C-alpha atoms as a PDB file:
ATOM      1  CA  MET A   1      97.447 123.665 116.373  1.00  0.00           C
ATOM      2  CA  ASN A   2      94.317 122.188 114.842  1.00  0.00           C
ATOM      3  CA  LYS A   3      92.932 118.798 115.854  1.00  0.00           C
ATOM      4  CA  LEU A   4      94.270 116.910 112.824  1.00  0.00           C
ATOM      5  CA  LEU A   5      97.819 118.142 113.407  1.00  0.00           C
ATOM      6  CA  TRP A   6      97.465 117.441 117.140  1.00  0.00           C
ATOM      7  CA  ASN A   7      96.400 113.855 116.356  1.00  0.00           C
ATOM      8  CA  THR A   8      99.362 113.488 113.989  1.00  0.00           C
ATOM      9  CA  ARG A   9     101.744 114.689 116.700  1.00  0.00           C
ATOM     10  CA  ASN A  10     100.258 112.243 119.192  1.00  0.00           C
ATOM     11  CA  TRP A  11     100.555 109.392 116.697  1.00  0.00           C
ATOM     12  CA  LEU A  12     104.236 110.208 116.121  1.00  0.00           C
ATOM     13  CA  ILE A  13     104.887 110.230 119.865  1.00  0.00           C
ATOM     14  CA  GLY A  14     103.254 106.845 120.389  1.00  0.00           C
ATOM     15  CA  SER A  15     104.343 105.046 117.230  1.00  0.00           C
ATOM     16  CA  THR A  16     106.796 102.190 116.984  1.00  0.00           C
ATOM     17  CA  LYS A  17     110.167 102.817 115.385  1.00  0.00           C
ATOM     18  CA  SER A  18     109.292 100.844 112.249  1.00  0.00           C
ATOM     19  CA  SER A  19     105.894 102.471 111.727  1.00  0.00           C
ATOM     20  CA  PHE A  20     107.399 105.896 112.486  1.00  0.00           C
ATOM     21  CA  HIS A  21     109.998 105.525 109.721  1.00  0.00           C
ATOM     22  CA  ALA A  22     107.538 103.917 107.301  1.00  0.00           C
ATOM     23  CA  VAL A  23     105.148 106.855 107.602  1.00  0.00           C
ATOM     24  CA  LEU A  24     107.963 109.405 107.285  1.00  0.00           C
ATOM     25  CA  GLU A  25     109.130 107.686 104.108  1.00  0.00           C
ATOM     26  CA  GLU A  26     105.595 107.507 102.701  1.00  0.00           C
ATOM     27  CA  ALA A  27     105.025 111.204 103.473  1.00  0.00           C
ATOM     28  CA  LYS A  28     107.980 112.113 101.249  1.00  0.00           C
ATOM     29  CA  ILE A  29     109.239 114.790 103.629  1.00  0.00           C
ATOM     30  CA  THR A  30     112.676 116.326 103.205  1.00  0.00           C
ATOM     31  CA  PRO A  31     115.800 114.840 104.810  1.00  0.00           C
ATOM     32  CA  ARG A  32     115.981 117.825 107.165  1.00  0.00           C
ATOM     33  CA  GLN A  33     112.355 117.329 108.216  1.00  0.00           C
ATOM     34  CA  ILE A  34     113.098 113.641 108.858  1.00  0.00           C
ATOM     35  CA  GLU A  35     116.096 114.582 110.994  1.00  0.00           C
ATOM     36  CA  ILE A  36     114.051 117.115 112.954  1.00  0.00           C
ATOM     37  CA  CYS A  37     111.225 114.591 113.492  1.00  0.00           C
ATOM     38  CA  GLU A  38     113.712 111.972 114.697  1.00  0.00           C
ATOM     39  CA  LEU A  39     115.310 114.406 117.125  1.00  0.00           C
ATOM     40  CA  ARG A  40     111.908 115.529 118.390  1.00  0.00           C
ATOM     41  CA  PHE A  41     110.031 112.238 118.630  1.00  0.00           C
ATOM     42  CA  VAL A  42     112.754 109.595 118.998  1.00  0.00           C
ATOM     43  CA  LYS A  43     115.282 111.480 121.117  1.00  0.00           C
ATOM     44  CA  GLY A  44     112.697 113.694 122.845  1.00  0.00           C
ATOM     45  CA  MET A  45     114.559 116.947 122.230  1.00  0.00           C
ATOM     46  CA  THR A  46     112.848 120.323 122.482  1.00  0.00           C
ATOM     47  CA  ASN A  47     112.638 122.676 119.515  1.00  0.00           C
ATOM     48  CA  TYR A  48     115.269 124.876 121.167  1.00  0.00           C
ATOM     49  CA  GLN A  49     117.664 121.927 121.591  1.00  0.00           C
ATOM     50  CA  ILE A  50     117.114 120.836 117.986  1.00  0.00           C
ATOM     51  CA  ALA A  51     117.763 124.374 116.755  1.00  0.00           C
ATOM     52  CA  ALA A  52     121.009 124.566 118.724  1.00  0.00           C
ATOM     53  CA  GLN A  53     122.202 121.174 117.456  1.00  0.00           C
ATOM     54  CA  LEU A  54     121.386 121.932 113.809  1.00  0.00           C
ATOM     55  CA  ASN A  55     122.481 125.569 114.030  1.00  0.00           C
ATOM     56  CA  ILE A  56     119.114 126.888 112.854  1.00  0.00           C
ATOM     57  CA  SER A  57     116.481 129.038 114.559  1.00  0.00           C
ATOM     58  CA  ASP A  58     113.779 127.528 116.733  1.00  0.00           C
ATOM     59  CA  LYS A  59     111.234 129.158 114.386  1.00  0.00           C
ATOM     60  CA  THR A  60     112.735 127.164 111.515  1.00  0.00           C
ATOM     61  CA  VAL A  61     112.365 123.979 113.564  1.00  0.00           C
ATOM     62  CA  GLU A  62     108.731 124.876 114.255  1.00  0.00           C
ATOM     63  CA  LYS A  63     108.068 125.612 110.573  1.00  0.00           C
ATOM     64  CA  GLU A  64     109.687 122.364 109.420  1.00  0.00           C
ATOM     65  CA  LEU A  65     107.718 120.342 111.995  1.00  0.00           C
ATOM     66  CA  ASN A  66     104.423 121.942 110.955  1.00  0.00           C
ATOM     67  CA  THR A  67     105.135 121.230 107.299  1.00  0.00           C
ATOM     68  CA  ALA A  68     106.021 117.620 108.144  1.00  0.00           C
ATOM     69  CA  TYR A  69     102.878 117.253 110.312  1.00  0.00           C
ATOM     70  CA  LYS A  70     100.691 118.257 107.379  1.00  0.00           C
ATOM     71  CA  GLN A  71     102.306 115.762 105.013  1.00  0.00           C
ATOM     72  CA  ILE A  72     102.296 112.986 107.619  1.00  0.00           C
ATOM     73  CA  SER A  73      98.629 113.646 108.476  1.00  0.00           C
ATOM     74  CA  ASN A  74      97.760 113.107 104.796  1.00  0.00           C
ATOM     75  CA  VAL A  75      99.440 109.686 104.932  1.00  0.00           C
ATOM     76  CA  LEU A  76      97.733 108.759 108.188  1.00  0.00           C
ATOM     77  CA  ALA A  77      94.338 109.826 106.815  1.00  0.00           C
ATOM     78  CA  SER A  78      94.756 107.387 103.910  1.00  0.00           C
ATOM     79  CA  LEU A  79      95.442 104.401 106.192  1.00  0.00           C
END
């Protein structure tokens, strides 16, 4: 994971609930990506646990998170 995406991940982990949701909304990510981000960063679930809950593969979870990271990092860069 490159430094920009790593910084985005760290921001998501440390953000407040209101700023977390504001940035997700601004990033215009899909409802499934929002759900995955909430499960990962709010509930602290692993990719494997998310995959099992949503009945998708852990690779799909990883792909959706990476796509969301990129869109969220664009929003954070503009702040």
